[in-house]
Structure formats: C-alpha cells, structure tokens
Amino acid sequence: MARKNGGDPNFKYGWYAGYREQIERIVTYGFSSSEMRSMMIRLMESDELSAFQTKLGIRRDTCEYDLAI
C-alpha cells in the first residue's frame, strides 16, 4: 500500500492498555465486539515504537487506538 501511494505509509502509533488476551481478541476479531458498548475510546497520537511500563507496573502493548476501560 505504501508503494502504491508514493512510498509514504504515514504510520501512526498508539497504545492499548489491556491484557494480552484482550489484545489477541481485538487482533483476531477487531473492535466490533458487543463489549465495546461499555468502553470509552480515547485516540492518542504517539511517536513511540515500543511498549513501556506504567506506574501500576502494567506493560502496554502497541495497537492503533488507546482504549480507556
């Protein structure tokens, strides 16, 4: 797709604060789950490429959107 659009993929990075199982479910089934009705989606732009440790000691894995549950 980047090649088709002139070589600029225009990637954006973000964080998903969730457990590994939650991230795997989203990667497999997408964000169309009925569970989404009780969640707030917060979009945040980030240039970071790797996961980091939060104050609570929870590792956050990369994903396109940041979900606040």
PDB file of N, CA and C in Angstrom:
ATOM      1  N   MET A   1       0.822  -1.175   0.000  1.00  0.00           N
ATOM      2  CA  MET A   1       0.000   0.000   0.000  1.00  0.00           C
ATOM      3  C   MET A   1       0.876   1.252   0.000  1.00  0.00           C
ATOM      4  N   ALA A   2       1.971   1.233   0.760  1.00  0.00           N
ATOM      5  CA  ALA A   2       2.858   2.394   0.785  1.00  0.00           C
ATOM      6  C   ALA A   2       3.453   2.641  -0.595  1.00  0.00           C
ATOM      7  N   ARG A   3       3.834   1.572  -1.263  1.00  0.00           N
ATOM      8  CA  ARG A   3       4.389   1.704  -2.603  1.00  0.00           C
ATOM      9  C   ARG A   3       3.354   2.293  -3.552  1.00  0.00           C
ATOM     10  N   LYS A   4       2.128   1.854  -3.442  1.00  0.00           N
ATOM     11  CA  LYS A   4       1.045   2.338  -4.298  1.00  0.00           C
ATOM     12  C   LYS A   4       0.787   3.829  -4.076  1.00  0.00           C
ATOM     13  N   ASN A   5       0.989   4.315  -2.844  1.00  0.00           N
ATOM     14  CA  ASN A   5       0.715   5.709  -2.505  1.00  0.00           C
ATOM     15  C   ASN A   5       1.966   6.582  -2.483  1.00  0.00           C
ATOM     16  N   GLY A   6       2.967   6.218  -3.224  1.00  0.00           N
ATOM     17  CA  GLY A   6       4.154   7.054  -3.335  1.00  0.00           C
ATOM     18  C   GLY A   6       5.227   6.790  -2.292  1.00  0.00           C
ATOM     19  N   GLY A   7       5.147   5.689  -1.555  1.00  0.00           N
ATOM     20  CA  GLY A   7       6.196   5.318  -0.620  1.00  0.00           C
ATOM     21  C   GLY A   7       6.058   5.852   0.790  1.00  0.00           C
ATOM     22  N   ASP A   8       5.039   6.646   1.098  1.00  0.00           N
ATOM     23  CA  ASP A   8       4.859   7.179   2.450  1.00  0.00           C
ATOM     24  C   ASP A   8       3.705   6.463   3.129  1.00  0.00           C
ATOM     25  N   PRO A   9       3.990   5.496   4.027  1.00  0.00           N
ATOM     26  CA  PRO A   9       2.908   4.744   4.658  1.00  0.00           C
ATOM     27  C   PRO A   9       2.129   5.552   5.688  1.00  0.00           C
ATOM     28  N   ASN A  10       2.681   6.681   6.179  1.00  0.00           N
ATOM     29  CA  ASN A  10       2.004   7.557   7.134  1.00  0.00           C
ATOM     30  C   ASN A  10       1.520   6.784   8.361  1.00  0.00           C
ATOM     31  N   PHE A  11       2.410   6.004   8.969  1.00  0.00           N
ATOM     32  CA  PHE A  11       2.066   5.215  10.153  1.00  0.00           C
ATOM     33  C   PHE A  11       1.832   6.116  11.350  1.00  0.00           C
ATOM     34  N   LYS A  12       0.891   5.735  12.175  1.00  0.00           N
ATOM     35  CA  LYS A  12       0.648   6.372  13.470  1.00  0.00           C
ATOM     36  C   LYS A  12       0.727   5.277  14.521  1.00  0.00           C
ATOM     37  N   TYR A  13       1.299   5.579  15.647  1.00  0.00           N
ATOM     38  CA  TYR A  13       1.436   4.603  16.717  1.00  0.00           C
ATOM     39  C   TYR A  13       0.606   5.036  17.910  1.00  0.00           C
ATOM     40  N   GLY A  14       0.128   4.071  18.665  1.00  0.00           N
ATOM     41  CA  GLY A  14      -0.659   4.359  19.859  1.00  0.00           C
ATOM     42  C   GLY A  14      -0.503   3.222  20.847  1.00  0.00           C
ATOM     43  N   TRP A  15      -1.275   3.272  21.911  1.00  0.00           N
ATOM     44  CA  TRP A  15      -1.170   2.270  22.963  1.00  0.00           C
ATOM     45  C   TRP A  15      -2.530   1.715  23.302  1.00  0.00           C
ATOM     46  N   TYR A  16      -2.571   0.446  23.626  1.00  0.00           N
ATOM     47  CA  TYR A  16      -3.792  -0.183  24.133  1.00  0.00           C
ATOM     48  C   TYR A  16      -3.486  -0.690  25.534  1.00  0.00           C
ATOM     49  N   ALA A  17      -4.176  -0.169  26.518  1.00  0.00           N
ATOM     50  CA  ALA A  17      -3.956  -0.593  27.904  1.00  0.00           C
ATOM     51  C   ALA A  17      -4.851  -1.781  28.191  1.00  0.00           C
ATOM     52  N   GLY A  18      -4.330  -2.965  28.006  1.00  0.00           N
ATOM     53  CA  GLY A  18      -5.126  -4.161  28.226  1.00  0.00           C
ATOM     54  C   GLY A  18      -4.244  -5.363  28.445  1.00  0.00           C
ATOM     55  N   TYR A  19      -4.878  -6.443  28.803  1.00  0.00           N
ATOM     56  CA  TYR A  19      -4.158  -7.691  28.996  1.00  0.00           C
ATOM     57  C   TYR A  19      -3.891  -8.348  27.647  1.00  0.00           C
ATOM     58  N   ARG A  20      -2.923  -9.232  27.618  1.00  0.00           N
ATOM     59  CA  ARG A  20      -2.535  -9.903  26.374  1.00  0.00           C
ATOM     60  C   ARG A  20      -3.729 -10.569  25.694  1.00  0.00           C
ATOM     61  N   GLU A  21      -4.589 -11.224  26.472  1.00  0.00           N
ATOM     62  CA  GLU A  21      -5.756 -11.909  25.909  1.00  0.00           C
ATOM     63  C   GLU A  21      -6.707 -10.919  25.228  1.00  0.00           C
ATOM     64  N   GLN A  22      -6.870  -9.734  25.822  1.00  0.00           N
ATOM     65  CA  GLN A  22      -7.731  -8.713  25.224  1.00  0.00           C
ATOM     66  C   GLN A  22      -7.168  -8.242  23.890  1.00  0.00           C
ATOM     67  N   ILE A  23      -5.864  -8.024  23.848  1.00  0.00           N
ATOM     68  CA  ILE A  23      -5.224  -7.571  22.614  1.00  0.00           C
ATOM     69  C   ILE A  23      -5.335  -8.642  21.538  1.00  0.00           C
ATOM     70  N   GLU A  24      -5.116  -9.915  21.908  1.00  0.00           N
ATOM     71  CA  GLU A  24      -5.234 -11.006  20.939  1.00  0.00           C
ATOM     72  C   GLU A  24      -6.652 -11.086  20.380  1.00  0.00           C
ATOM     73  N   ARG A  25      -7.660 -10.882  21.232  1.00  0.00           N
ATOM     74  CA  ARG A  25      -9.057 -10.922  20.780  1.00  0.00           C
ATOM     75  C   ARG A  25      -9.344  -9.783  19.795  1.00  0.00           C
ATOM     76  N   ILE A  26      -8.811  -8.593  20.076  1.00  0.00           N
ATOM     77  CA  ILE A  26      -9.022  -7.458  19.179  1.00  0.00           C
ATOM     78  C   ILE A  26      -8.326  -7.691  17.846  1.00  0.00           C
ATOM     79  N   VAL A  27      -7.099  -8.228  17.889  1.00  0.00           N
ATOM     80  CA  VAL A  27      -6.379  -8.511  16.642  1.00  0.00           C
ATOM     81  C   VAL A  27      -7.125  -9.555  15.821  1.00  0.00           C
ATOM     82  N   THR A  28      -7.707 -10.546  16.483  1.00  0.00           N
ATOM     83  CA  THR A  28      -8.427 -11.609  15.791  1.00  0.00           C
ATOM     84  C   THR A  28      -9.785 -11.165  15.275  1.00  0.00           C
ATOM     85  N   TYR A  29     -10.569 -10.497  16.121  1.00  0.00           N
ATOM     86  CA  TYR A  29     -11.959 -10.180  15.781  1.00  0.00           C
ATOM     87  C   TYR A  29     -12.223  -8.700  15.503  1.00  0.00           C
ATOM     88  N   GLY A  30     -11.265  -7.830  15.794  1.00  0.00           N
ATOM     89  CA  GLY A  30     -11.464  -6.397  15.577  1.00  0.00           C
ATOM     90  C   GLY A  30     -12.177  -5.731  16.743  1.00  0.00           C
ATOM     91  N   PHE A  31     -12.548  -4.476  16.545  1.00  0.00           N
ATOM     92  CA  PHE A  31     -13.190  -3.679  17.588  1.00  0.00           C
ATOM     93  C   PHE A  31     -14.707  -3.729  17.500  1.00  0.00           C
ATOM     94  N   SER A  32     -15.292  -4.685  16.803  1.00  0.00           N
ATOM     95  CA  SER A  32     -16.743  -4.724  16.610  1.00  0.00           C
ATOM     96  C   SER A  32     -17.460  -5.564  17.658  1.00  0.00           C
ATOM     97  N   SER A  33     -16.779  -5.915  18.730  1.00  0.00           N
ATOM     98  CA  SER A  33     -17.373  -6.743  19.776  1.00  0.00           C
ATOM     99  C   SER A  33     -18.464  -5.994  20.534  1.00  0.00           C
ATOM    100  N   SER A  34     -19.451  -6.718  21.045  1.00  0.00           N
ATOM    101  CA  SER A  34     -20.522  -6.099  21.824  1.00  0.00           C
ATOM    102  C   SER A  34     -20.003  -5.531  23.138  1.00  0.00           C
ATOM    103  N   GLU A  35     -18.812  -5.959  23.565  1.00  0.00           N
ATOM    104  CA  GLU A  35     -18.217  -5.425  24.789  1.00  0.00           C
ATOM    105  C   GLU A  35     -17.881  -3.945  24.657  1.00  0.00           C
ATOM    106  N   MET A  36     -17.736  -3.463  23.453  1.00  0.00           N
ATOM    107  CA  MET A  36     -17.343  -2.081  23.227  1.00  0.00           C
ATOM    108  C   MET A  36     -18.391  -1.085  23.708  1.00  0.00           C
ATOM    109  N   ARG A  37     -19.601  -1.509  23.940  1.00  0.00           N
ATOM    110  CA  ARG A  37     -20.654  -0.590  24.377  1.00  0.00           C
ATOM    111  C   ARG A  37     -20.339   0.049  25.719  1.00  0.00           C
ATOM    112  N   SER A  38     -19.567  -0.632  26.551  1.00  0.00           N
ATOM    113  CA  SER A  38     -19.271  -0.109  27.880  1.00  0.00           C
ATOM    114  C   SER A  38     -17.875   0.509  27.975  1.00  0.00           C
ATOM    115  N   MET A  39     -17.224   0.745  26.851  1.00  0.00           N
ATOM    116  CA  MET A  39     -15.875   1.295  26.863  1.00  0.00           C
ATOM    117  C   MET A  39     -15.850   2.698  26.281  1.00  0.00           C
ATOM    118  N   MET A  40     -14.870   3.466  26.722  1.00  0.00           N
ATOM    119  CA  MET A  40     -14.623   4.773  26.141  1.00  0.00           C
ATOM    120  C   MET A  40     -13.368   4.655  25.280  1.00  0.00           C
ATOM    121  N   ILE A  41     -13.412   5.143  24.071  1.00  0.00           N
ATOM    122  CA  ILE A  41     -12.239   5.094  23.200  1.00  0.00           C
ATOM    123  C   ILE A  41     -11.587   6.465  23.203  1.00  0.00           C
ATOM    124  N   ARG A  42     -10.306   6.490  23.541  1.00  0.00           N
ATOM    125  CA  ARG A  42      -9.547   7.735  23.558  1.00  0.00           C
ATOM    126  C   ARG A  42      -8.438   7.595  22.521  1.00  0.00           C
ATOM    127  N   LEU A  43      -8.427   8.434  21.514  1.00  0.00           N
ATOM    128  CA  LEU A  43      -7.409   8.383  20.476  1.00  0.00           C
ATOM    129  C   LEU A  43      -6.238   9.256  20.893  1.00  0.00           C
ATOM    130  N   MET A  44      -5.048   8.686  20.831  1.00  0.00           N
ATOM    131  CA  MET A  44      -3.850   9.420  21.206  1.00  0.00           C
ATOM    132  C   MET A  44      -2.772   9.156  20.171  1.00  0.00           C
ATOM    133  N   GLU A  45      -2.130  10.190  19.702  1.00  0.00           N
ATOM    134  CA  GLU A  45      -1.045  10.031  18.753  1.00  0.00           C
ATOM    135  C   GLU A  45       0.268   9.902  19.518  1.00  0.00           C
ATOM    136  N   SER A  46       1.127   9.018  19.053  1.00  0.00           N
ATOM    137  CA  SER A  46       2.399   8.786  19.728  1.00  0.00           C
ATOM    138  C   SER A  46       3.457   8.411  18.704  1.00  0.00           C
ATOM    139  N   ASP A  47       4.684   8.867  18.932  1.00  0.00           N
ATOM    140  CA  ASP A  47       5.797   8.501  18.059  1.00  0.00           C
ATOM    141  C   ASP A  47       6.614   7.349  18.634  1.00  0.00           C
ATOM    142  N   GLU A  48       6.230   6.850  19.797  1.00  0.00           N
ATOM    143  CA  GLU A  48       6.960   5.759  20.433  1.00  0.00           C
ATOM    144  C   GLU A  48       6.723   4.454  19.674  1.00  0.00           C
ATOM    145  N   LEU A  49       7.765   3.655  19.547  1.00  0.00           N
ATOM    146  CA  LEU A  49       7.671   2.396  18.813  1.00  0.00           C
ATOM    147  C   LEU A  49       7.625   1.175  19.722  1.00  0.00           C
ATOM    148  N   SER A  50       7.894   1.338  21.008  1.00  0.00           N
ATOM    149  CA  SER A  50       7.963   0.174  21.885  1.00  0.00           C
ATOM    150  C   SER A  50       7.033   0.319  23.079  1.00  0.00           C
ATOM    151  N   ALA A  51       6.813  -0.793  23.762  1.00  0.00           N
ATOM    152  CA  ALA A  51       5.963  -0.794  24.953  1.00  0.00           C
ATOM    153  C   ALA A  51       6.715  -0.146  26.110  1.00  0.00           C
ATOM    154  N   PHE A  52       5.979   0.281  27.119  1.00  0.00           N
ATOM    155  CA  PHE A  52       6.609   0.873  28.290  1.00  0.00           C
ATOM    156  C   PHE A  52       5.903   0.407  29.555  1.00  0.00           C
ATOM    157  N   GLN A  53       6.514   0.666  30.689  1.00  0.00           N
ATOM    158  CA  GLN A  53       5.975   0.262  31.986  1.00  0.00           C
ATOM    159  C   GLN A  53       5.192   1.434  32.584  1.00  0.00           C
ATOM    160  N   THR A  54       3.947   1.206  32.988  1.00  0.00           N
ATOM    161  CA  THR A  54       3.138   2.258  33.599  1.00  0.00           C
ATOM    162  C   THR A  54       3.418   2.335  35.094  1.00  0.00           C
ATOM    163  N   LYS A  55       2.832   3.330  35.762  1.00  0.00           N
ATOM    164  CA  LYS A  55       3.001   3.486  37.205  1.00  0.00           C
ATOM    165  C   LYS A  55       2.476   2.275  37.961  1.00  0.00           C
ATOM    166  N   LEU A  56       1.477   1.587  37.405  1.00  0.00           N
ATOM    167  CA  LEU A  56       0.898   0.419  38.054  1.00  0.00           C
ATOM    168  C   LEU A  56       1.694  -0.850  37.784  1.00  0.00           C
ATOM    169  N   GLY A  57       2.751  -0.743  36.966  1.00  0.00           N
ATOM    170  CA  GLY A  57       3.555  -1.909  36.653  1.00  0.00           C
ATOM    171  C   GLY A  57       2.979  -2.750  35.530  1.00  0.00           C
ATOM    172  N   ILE A  58       2.017  -2.217  34.801  1.00  0.00           N
ATOM    173  CA  ILE A  58       1.376  -2.951  33.708  1.00  0.00           C
ATOM    174  C   ILE A  58       2.090  -2.598  32.410  1.00  0.00           C
ATOM    175  N   ARG A  59       2.500  -3.619  31.678  1.00  0.00           N
ATOM    176  CA  ARG A  59       3.102  -3.353  30.368  1.00  0.00           C
ATOM    177  C   ARG A  59       2.003  -3.084  29.368  1.00  0.00           C
ATOM    178  N   ARG A  60       2.241  -2.139  28.502  1.00  0.00           N
ATOM    179  CA  ARG A  60       1.254  -1.785  27.492  1.00  0.00           C
ATOM    180  C   ARG A  60       1.812  -2.180  26.132  1.00  0.00           C
ATOM    181  N   ASP A  61       1.007  -2.854  25.336  1.00  0.00           N
ATOM    182  CA  ASP A  61       1.429  -3.297  24.014  1.00  0.00           C
ATOM    183  C   ASP A  61       0.875  -2.353  22.962  1.00  0.00           C
ATOM    184  N   THR A  62       1.589  -2.238  21.852  1.00  0.00           N
ATOM    185  CA  THR A  62       1.182  -1.300  20.821  1.00  0.00           C
ATOM    186  C   THR A  62      -0.081  -1.747  20.115  1.00  0.00           C
ATOM    187  N   CYS A  63      -0.858  -0.797  19.732  1.00  0.00           N
ATOM    188  CA  CYS A  63      -2.092  -1.011  18.996  1.00  0.00           C
ATOM    189  C   CYS A  63      -2.429   0.327  18.355  1.00  0.00           C
ATOM    190  N   GLU A  64      -3.371   0.348  17.443  1.00  0.00           N
ATOM    191  CA  GLU A  64      -3.672   1.588  16.743  1.00  0.00           C
ATOM    192  C   GLU A  64      -4.412   2.592  17.609  1.00  0.00           C
ATOM    193  N   TYR A  65      -5.213   2.150  18.559  1.00  0.00           N
ATOM    194  CA  TYR A  65      -6.012   3.043  19.393  1.00  0.00           C
ATOM    195  C   TYR A  65      -5.745   2.786  20.862  1.00  0.00           C
ATOM    196  N   ASP A  66      -5.931   3.794  21.674  1.00  0.00           N
ATOM    197  CA  ASP A  66      -5.805   3.656  23.121  1.00  0.00           C
ATOM    198  C   ASP A  66      -7.209   3.584  23.697  1.00  0.00           C
ATOM    199  N   LEU A  67      -7.545   2.497  24.364  1.00  0.00           N
ATOM    200  CA  LEU A  67      -8.878   2.324  24.943  1.00  0.00           C
ATOM    201  C   LEU A  67      -8.804   2.528  26.440  1.00  0.00           C
ATOM    202  N   ALA A  68      -9.660   3.364  26.962  1.00  0.00           N
ATOM    203  CA  ALA A  68      -9.755   3.552  28.412  1.00  0.00           C
ATOM    204  C   ALA A  68     -10.972   2.783  28.891  1.00  0.00           C
ATOM    205  N   ILE A  69     -10.752   1.770  29.700  1.00  0.00           N
ATOM    206  CA  ILE A  69     -11.856   0.926  30.165  1.00  0.00           C
ATOM    207  C   ILE A  69     -12.321   1.418  31.519  1.00  0.00           C
TER     208      ILE A  69
END
